[in-house]
Protein backbone atom coordinates (compact mmCIF):
# COMPACT_ATOMS: atom_id res chain seq x y z
CA MET A 1 -105.56 -1.21 22.40
CA ARG A 2 -106.93 1.77 24.35
CA ARG A 3 -110.06 -0.18 25.33
CA ARG A 4 -107.98 -3.14 26.54
CA LEU A 5 -105.04 -1.24 28.03
CA GLY A 6 -105.59 -2.69 31.52
CA ARG A 7 -105.48 -6.28 30.24
CA ALA A 8 -102.46 -5.48 28.09
CA VAL A 9 -100.57 -4.24 31.17
CA VAL A 10 -101.33 -7.49 33.01
CA LEU A 11 -100.06 -9.43 29.98
CA SER A 12 -96.86 -7.38 30.06
CA TYR A 13 -96.23 -8.46 33.65
CA ALA A 14 -97.04 -12.06 32.78
CA ALA A 15 -94.56 -11.96 29.89
CA ALA A 16 -91.91 -10.58 32.24
CA LEU A 17 -92.58 -13.46 34.64
CA PHE A 18 -92.42 -16.29 32.13
CA LEU A 19 -90.08 -14.78 29.50
CA PRO A 20 -87.79 -12.23 31.19
CA GLY A 21 -84.78 -12.78 28.89
CA PRO A 22 -85.61 -10.21 26.18
CA GLY A 23 -86.61 -7.67 28.82
CA LEU A 24 -83.30 -8.08 30.64
CA TRP A 25 -81.43 -7.63 27.36
CA LEU A 26 -83.40 -4.48 26.55
CA SER A 27 -82.76 -3.06 30.03
CA ARG A 28 -78.98 -3.07 29.46
CA THR A 29 -77.00 -0.29 27.83
CA HIS A 30 -75.94 -1.11 24.25
CA SER A 31 -73.37 0.43 21.93
CA LEU A 32 -73.81 1.23 18.26
CA PRO A 33 -70.46 1.35 16.38
CA LEU A 34 -69.97 4.55 14.37
CA GLY A 35 -66.64 3.73 12.75
CA ALA A 36 -63.93 6.32 13.32
CA ALA A 37 -66.33 8.44 15.37
CA GLY A 38 -66.41 5.78 18.09
CA ALA A 39 -69.63 4.25 19.43
CA LEU A 40 -73.02 5.55 20.46
CA SER A 41 -74.43 4.22 23.74
CA TRP A 42 -78.17 3.85 24.01
CA SER A 43 -80.72 2.35 26.38
CA THR A 44 -84.24 1.21 25.56
CA ALA A 45 -86.11 2.57 28.58
CA PRO A 46 -85.25 6.28 28.08
CA LEU A 47 -86.10 6.00 24.37
CA LEU A 48 -89.51 4.49 25.13
CA LEU A 49 -90.14 7.16 27.75
CA SER A 50 -89.30 9.86 25.21
CA LEU A 51 -91.69 8.31 22.69
CA VAL A 52 -94.59 8.37 25.17
CA LEU A 53 -93.93 12.01 26.09
CA PHE A 54 -93.49 13.07 22.47
CA SER A 55 -96.89 11.56 21.69
CA ALA A 56 -98.41 13.38 24.66
CA GLY A 57 -97.02 16.73 23.52
CA LEU A 58 -98.19 16.06 19.97
CA GLN A 59 -101.78 15.69 21.18
CA VAL A 60 -101.92 18.91 23.23
CA PRO A 61 -103.79 21.82 21.62
CA LEU A 62 -101.87 24.97 22.52
CA ARG A 63 -105.07 26.94 23.05
CA ALA A 64 -106.16 24.45 25.70
CA LEU A 65 -102.72 24.64 27.31
CA GLY A 66 -103.10 28.42 27.44
CA THR A 67 -106.46 27.97 29.16
CA LEU A 68 -104.73 25.79 31.75
CA LEU A 69 -102.28 28.59 32.52
CA ARG A 70 -105.11 31.12 32.83
CA ARG A 71 -107.01 28.79 35.20
CA PRO A 72 -104.22 27.04 37.08
CA ILE A 73 -106.33 25.63 39.94
CA ALA A 74 -105.87 21.99 38.91
CA LEU A 75 -102.20 22.52 38.10
CA LEU A 76 -101.42 24.14 41.46
CA ALA A 77 -103.50 21.59 43.36
CA GLY A 78 -101.72 18.72 41.62
CA LEU A 79 -98.27 20.12 42.43
CA VAL A 80 -99.12 20.75 46.08
CA LEU A 81 -100.62 17.28 46.51
CA HIS A 82 -97.71 15.67 44.69
CA LEU A 83 -95.42 17.18 47.32
CA ALA A 84 -97.70 16.55 50.31
CA ILE A 85 -98.72 12.92 49.66
CA PRO A 86 -95.25 11.43 50.38
CA LEU A 87 -95.04 13.44 53.60
CA LEU A 88 -98.38 11.94 54.69
CA ALA A 89 -98.15 8.36 53.41
CA ILE A 90 -94.52 7.39 54.10
CA PRO A 91 -94.55 8.16 57.87
CA ALA A 92 -97.66 5.99 58.24
CA VAL A 93 -95.94 3.13 56.39
CA ALA A 94 -92.76 3.50 58.44
CA PHE A 95 -94.77 3.38 61.69
CA LEU A 96 -96.49 0.15 60.65
CA LEU A 97 -93.26 -1.50 59.49
CA ARG A 98 -91.49 -0.76 62.76
CA ARG A 99 -93.90 -3.20 64.41
CA THR A 100 -92.73 -6.05 62.16
CA PRO A 101 -89.86 -8.43 63.05
CA ASP A 102 -87.68 -7.05 60.24
CA THR A 103 -84.13 -6.43 61.48
CA ASP A 104 -83.92 -2.94 59.96
CA GLY A 105 -87.45 -1.94 60.90
CA GLY A 106 -88.57 -2.01 57.27
CA SER A 107 -86.10 0.70 56.25
CA GLY A 108 -85.39 -1.08 52.97
CA LEU A 109 -89.02 -1.04 51.89
CA VAL A 110 -89.43 2.54 53.12
CA THR A 111 -86.38 3.60 51.09
CA ALA A 112 -87.82 2.01 47.96
CA MET A 113 -91.19 3.70 48.46
CA ILE A 114 -89.56 7.10 49.06
CA LEU A 115 -87.68 6.79 45.77
CA ILE A 116 -90.99 6.05 44.03
CA VAL A 117 -93.35 8.64 45.50
CA ALA A 118 -90.76 11.43 45.37
CA MET A 119 -90.48 11.07 41.59
CA PRO A 120 -92.33 13.34 39.12
CA VAL A 121 -95.71 12.41 37.67
CA ALA A 122 -95.34 9.36 35.44
CA ALA A 123 -95.24 9.99 31.72
CA GLY A 124 -97.48 6.95 31.28
CA ALA A 125 -100.26 8.88 33.01
CA THR A 126 -100.75 10.74 29.72
CA VAL A 127 -101.61 7.41 28.07
CA TRP A 128 -104.26 6.65 30.69
CA THR A 129 -105.61 10.19 30.37
CA GLY A 130 -106.10 9.64 26.65
CA LYS A 131 -107.70 6.25 27.29
CA GLY A 132 -110.32 7.82 29.55
CA ASP A 133 -110.80 11.00 27.51
CA GLY A 134 -109.35 13.02 30.37
CA ASP A 135 -107.97 16.53 30.15
CA GLN A 136 -104.66 16.03 28.33
CA PRO A 137 -103.36 19.62 28.77
CA THR A 138 -103.80 19.34 32.55
CA MET A 139 -101.95 16.03 32.62
CA VAL A 140 -99.10 17.18 30.39
CA GLY A 141 -98.83 20.38 32.41
CA LEU A 142 -98.53 18.36 35.62
CA VAL A 143 -95.90 16.05 34.10
CA LEU A 144 -93.83 18.99 32.87
CA ALA A 145 -94.22 21.11 36.01
CA SER A 146 -93.46 18.26 38.43
CA THR A 147 -90.40 17.33 36.38
CA LEU A 148 -89.08 20.88 36.16
CA LEU A 149 -89.52 21.28 39.91
CA SER A 150 -88.08 17.87 40.80
CA PRO A 151 -84.54 19.19 41.51
CA LEU A 152 -86.19 21.20 44.30
CA THR A 153 -89.04 18.94 45.43
CA VAL A 154 -87.19 15.61 45.47
CA PRO A 155 -84.39 16.77 47.81
CA LEU A 156 -87.04 18.40 50.00
CA VAL A 157 -89.07 15.20 50.28
CA ILE A 158 -85.98 13.04 50.85
CA GLY A 159 -84.60 15.39 53.50
CA ALA A 160 -87.91 15.38 55.36
CA LEU A 161 -88.21 11.57 55.30
CA VAL A 162 -84.59 10.54 55.95
CA PRO A 163 -85.06 10.57 59.78
CA LEU A 164 -87.50 7.67 59.35
CA LEU A 165 -84.69 5.39 58.14
CA SER A 166 -82.03 3.44 59.99
CA GLY A 167 -78.65 2.01 59.03
CA ASP A 168 -76.97 3.15 55.82
CA TYR A 169 -80.21 3.89 53.97
CA ALA A 170 -79.99 7.60 54.81
CA ASP A 171 -76.63 7.79 53.00
CA THR A 172 -78.18 5.90 50.10
CA LEU A 173 -80.91 8.51 49.70
CA SER A 174 -78.31 11.28 49.81
CA ARG A 175 -76.48 9.66 46.89
CA ALA A 176 -79.76 9.31 45.01
CA GLU A 177 -80.42 13.00 45.58
CA HIS A 178 -77.18 13.94 43.81
CA THR A 179 -78.08 11.63 40.91
CA ILE A 180 -81.47 13.31 40.48
CA ARG A 181 -79.83 16.73 40.28
CA GLY A 182 -78.41 15.78 36.87
CA ALA A 183 -79.83 16.64 33.48
CA PHE A 184 -81.73 13.36 33.01
CA THR A 185 -85.16 14.73 33.89
CA PHE A 186 -84.78 17.69 31.55
CA VAL A 187 -83.36 15.76 28.59
CA GLY A 188 -85.49 12.65 29.05
CA VAL A 189 -88.84 14.22 29.91
CA VAL A 190 -89.11 17.92 29.13
CA LEU A 191 -87.43 17.95 25.71
CA PRO A 192 -89.48 15.10 24.14
CA CYS A 193 -92.76 16.69 25.21
CA ALA A 194 -91.61 20.10 23.96
CA ALA A 195 -90.60 18.49 20.66
CA GLY A 196 -94.11 17.07 20.29
CA ILE A 197 -95.67 20.49 20.90
CA LEU A 198 -93.33 22.12 18.37
CA CYS A 199 -94.17 19.47 15.77
CA ARG A 200 -97.86 20.16 16.29
CA LEU A 201 -97.17 23.84 15.62
CA ALA A 202 -95.04 23.21 12.55
CA LEU A 203 -97.09 20.54 10.78
CA PRO A 204 -100.10 21.47 8.64
CA ALA A 205 -103.40 19.89 9.60
CA PRO A 206 -103.39 17.04 7.02
CA TRP A 207 -99.84 16.02 7.94
CA LEU A 208 -100.59 16.28 11.66
CA SER A 209 -103.53 13.91 11.31
CA ARG A 210 -101.34 11.35 9.54
CA VAL A 211 -98.56 11.64 12.11
CA LEU A 212 -101.02 11.20 14.98
CA ARG A 213 -102.40 8.01 13.41
CA VAL A 214 -98.87 6.57 13.49
CA VAL A 215 -97.35 8.02 16.66
CA VAL A 216 -100.24 7.44 19.09
CA PRO A 217 -100.43 3.64 18.58
CA LEU A 218 -96.64 3.46 18.70
CA ALA A 219 -96.64 5.32 22.01
CA LEU A 220 -99.20 2.93 23.47
CA ALA A 221 -97.08 -0.04 22.40
CA GLY A 222 -93.97 1.69 23.76
CA SER A 223 -95.64 2.18 27.14
CA LEU A 224 -96.44 -1.53 27.35
CA LEU A 225 -92.90 -2.47 26.29
CA LEU A 226 -91.47 -0.17 28.96
CA THR A 227 -93.66 -1.90 31.55
CA TYR A 228 -92.35 -5.27 30.38
CA VAL A 229 -88.69 -4.17 30.56
CA ASN A 230 -89.00 -2.84 34.12
CA ALA A 231 -90.94 -5.87 35.32
CA SER A 232 -88.36 -8.26 33.84
CA GLY A 233 -85.59 -6.72 35.95
CA ALA A 234 -87.57 -6.96 39.19
CA LEU A 235 -88.98 -10.46 38.73
CA SER A 236 -85.70 -12.06 37.62
CA SER A 237 -84.04 -11.27 40.96
CA PHE A 238 -87.04 -12.59 42.88
CA LEU A 239 -87.13 -15.85 40.92
CA ALA A 240 -83.42 -16.38 41.52
CA ARG A 241 -83.98 -16.09 45.30
CA PRO A 242 -87.66 -16.37 46.26
CA ARG A 243 -88.66 -14.52 49.45
CA PRO A 244 -92.44 -14.87 49.92
CA LEU A 245 -92.60 -12.76 53.11
CA LEU A 246 -90.77 -9.90 51.41
CA LEU A 247 -93.14 -10.13 48.45
CA ALA A 248 -96.15 -9.99 50.78
CA ALA A 249 -94.71 -6.98 52.61
CA ALA A 250 -93.91 -5.21 49.33
CA LEU A 251 -97.46 -5.76 48.09
CA ALA A 252 -98.98 -4.52 51.35
CA VAL A 253 -96.82 -1.38 51.49
CA ALA A 254 -97.35 -0.56 47.81
CA PHE A 255 -101.11 -1.09 48.16
CA LEU A 256 -101.35 1.23 51.15
CA VAL A 257 -99.37 4.05 49.54
CA CYS A 258 -101.21 3.68 46.22
CA LEU A 259 -104.61 3.68 47.95
CA LEU A 260 -103.80 6.81 49.94
CA SER A 261 -102.44 8.64 46.87
CA PHE A 262 -105.46 7.99 44.66
CA ALA A 263 -107.89 8.66 47.51
CA VAL A 264 -106.31 12.04 48.26
CA GLY A 265 -106.43 12.99 44.57
CA ARG A 266 -110.06 11.97 44.20
CA GLY A 267 -111.04 13.78 47.38
CA ALA A 268 -109.24 16.97 46.29
CA ALA A 269 -110.97 16.88 42.90
CA ARG A 270 -114.38 16.66 44.59
CA LEU A 271 -113.50 19.40 47.05
CA LEU A 272 -112.44 21.72 44.23
CA ARG A 273 -115.53 20.74 42.17
CA LEU A 274 -113.50 20.18 39.05
CA ASP A 275 -115.02 19.07 35.76
CA ALA A 276 -114.93 15.32 35.12
CA PRO A 277 -112.00 15.35 32.64
CA VAL A 278 -109.87 17.63 34.86
CA ALA A 279 -110.80 15.63 37.98
CA SER A 280 -109.72 12.41 36.25
CA SER A 281 -106.35 13.92 35.30
CA LEU A 282 -105.76 15.28 38.81
CA THR A 283 -106.57 11.91 40.39
CA LEU A 284 -104.20 10.10 38.00
CA ALA A 285 -101.42 12.64 38.62
CA CYS A 286 -101.67 12.17 42.39
CA GLY A 287 -101.50 8.38 42.17
CA MET A 288 -99.10 7.78 39.28
CA ASN A 289 -95.40 8.41 39.91
CA ASN A 290 -92.49 7.70 37.60
CA SER A 291 -91.69 4.27 39.02
CA SER A 292 -89.29 3.64 36.13
CA ALA A 293 -87.05 6.45 37.35
CA GLY A 294 -87.29 5.06 40.88
CA ALA A 295 -86.22 1.64 39.61
CA VAL A 296 -83.19 3.17 37.87
CA LEU A 297 -82.16 4.93 41.09
CA ILE A 298 -82.48 1.74 43.11
CA THR A 299 -80.35 -0.29 40.70
CA THR A 300 -77.78 2.53 40.62
CA THR A 301 -77.50 3.30 44.33
CA LEU A 302 -78.28 -0.17 45.72
CA PRO A 303 -76.92 -2.67 43.18
CA ASP A 304 -76.45 -5.28 45.94
CA LYS A 305 -80.14 -5.17 46.96
CA PRO A 306 -82.16 -6.07 43.84
CA HIS A 307 -85.01 -7.32 46.06
CA LEU A 308 -85.92 -3.67 46.69
CA LEU A 309 -87.25 -3.60 43.13
CA LEU A 310 -90.23 -5.64 44.32
CA PRO A 311 -92.05 -2.62 45.84
CA VAL A 312 -91.42 -0.77 42.58
CA LEU A 313 -92.96 -3.61 40.59
CA ALA A 314 -95.90 -3.91 42.98
CA TYR A 315 -96.56 -0.17 42.94
CA GLY A 316 -96.30 -0.02 39.16
CA LEU A 317 -98.91 -2.77 38.79
CA LEU A 318 -101.21 -1.32 41.43
CA GLN A 319 -101.11 2.23 40.10
CA LYS A 320 -101.94 0.99 36.59
CA THR A 321 -104.81 -1.08 37.99
CA ALA A 322 -106.11 1.92 39.92
CA ALA A 323 -105.70 4.14 36.85
CA ASN A 324 -107.80 1.69 34.86
CA ARG A 325 -110.58 1.99 37.46
CA VAL A 326 -110.36 5.79 37.43
CA VAL A 327 -110.81 6.07 33.69
CA ARG A 328 -113.58 3.45 33.71
CA ARG A 329 -115.58 5.54 36.18
CA ARG A 330 -115.87 8.32 33.63
CA PRO A 331 -119.50 8.60 32.53
CA ARG A 332 -120.05 7.19 29.11
CA ARG A 333 -121.62 9.28 26.43
CA THR A 334 -125.04 7.98 25.56
CA ALA A 335 -126.13 7.90 21.97
CA ALA A 336 -128.99 10.16 20.91
CA PRO A 337 -132.35 8.34 20.76
CA VAL A 338 -133.34 7.19 17.30
CA PRO A 339 -136.64 8.72 16.22
CA PRO A 340 -139.41 6.26 15.35
CA PRO A 341 -139.94 5.61 11.65
CA CYS A 342 -142.57 7.71 9.96
CA ALA A 343 -145.84 6.02 9.09
CA PRO A 344 -146.31 5.33 5.39
């Protein structure tokens, strides 16, 4: 599955296009009756996200994580770039969209992209790091640090980019800002990863090896299922009311932002002369944002505009495609030459 992760992602989108029903059902909130105690509400997407992060934490050697803290160049660079990229990319996109005949000057698409690029580093980036043998401690550190700082960084990014919008979209982003200030990022991202690290500490080596053989494949499957659930919600609204021009604009905007994000990350890694595994993780962290969280915010704050999920879907597909290219560029280990047989 690791070797064919890129193809599996494309199949997840294809399944969402031709069979969105199960994905739409999974995207809803369900209740589990508990008798006299009432009912327990649960949603599939946060559970899958927790599984991916738990697996990432389970695979992090604490000694390597300590080395990351002693040499925090990649961590600090990733956090700075994660904050700077939206401030560089979104104004360029807004300038280009203002030259289009859209009645709101492209403010809808700009709003959707702001809610994507302002999010923390995607938890799924840890899966791609493992696929390319990247530096997992660096990636997990960037996921955790960007999430912990998101109550500060997200309002800062939104406040800086709100003047680019027109109409009621500025008020929409203000409501999204209050939603982000809740405990979702801590409970849904930080705690699962911390639980994985604690389990690694508590389990003896034989048990840890067995748990890894079970959890890691489950996390890969969970990441693909999460992709399918999110894509089902976006594509169902588009199929109900096709808008080809909007789809073309969403693809163009998502492509431009994704290209700039990965290019900045790759350029920074070369400038800092980072080792190949660390450079791969830094590049992925710059280009991969938690688009699932952005999709949740759009459906919550703009329930009457489901077409704005199209940029989220396009960006999610493009960032996974770009991530597949990043990990493929890693140099392959060559096998040692086989000595010639001895003469009889």
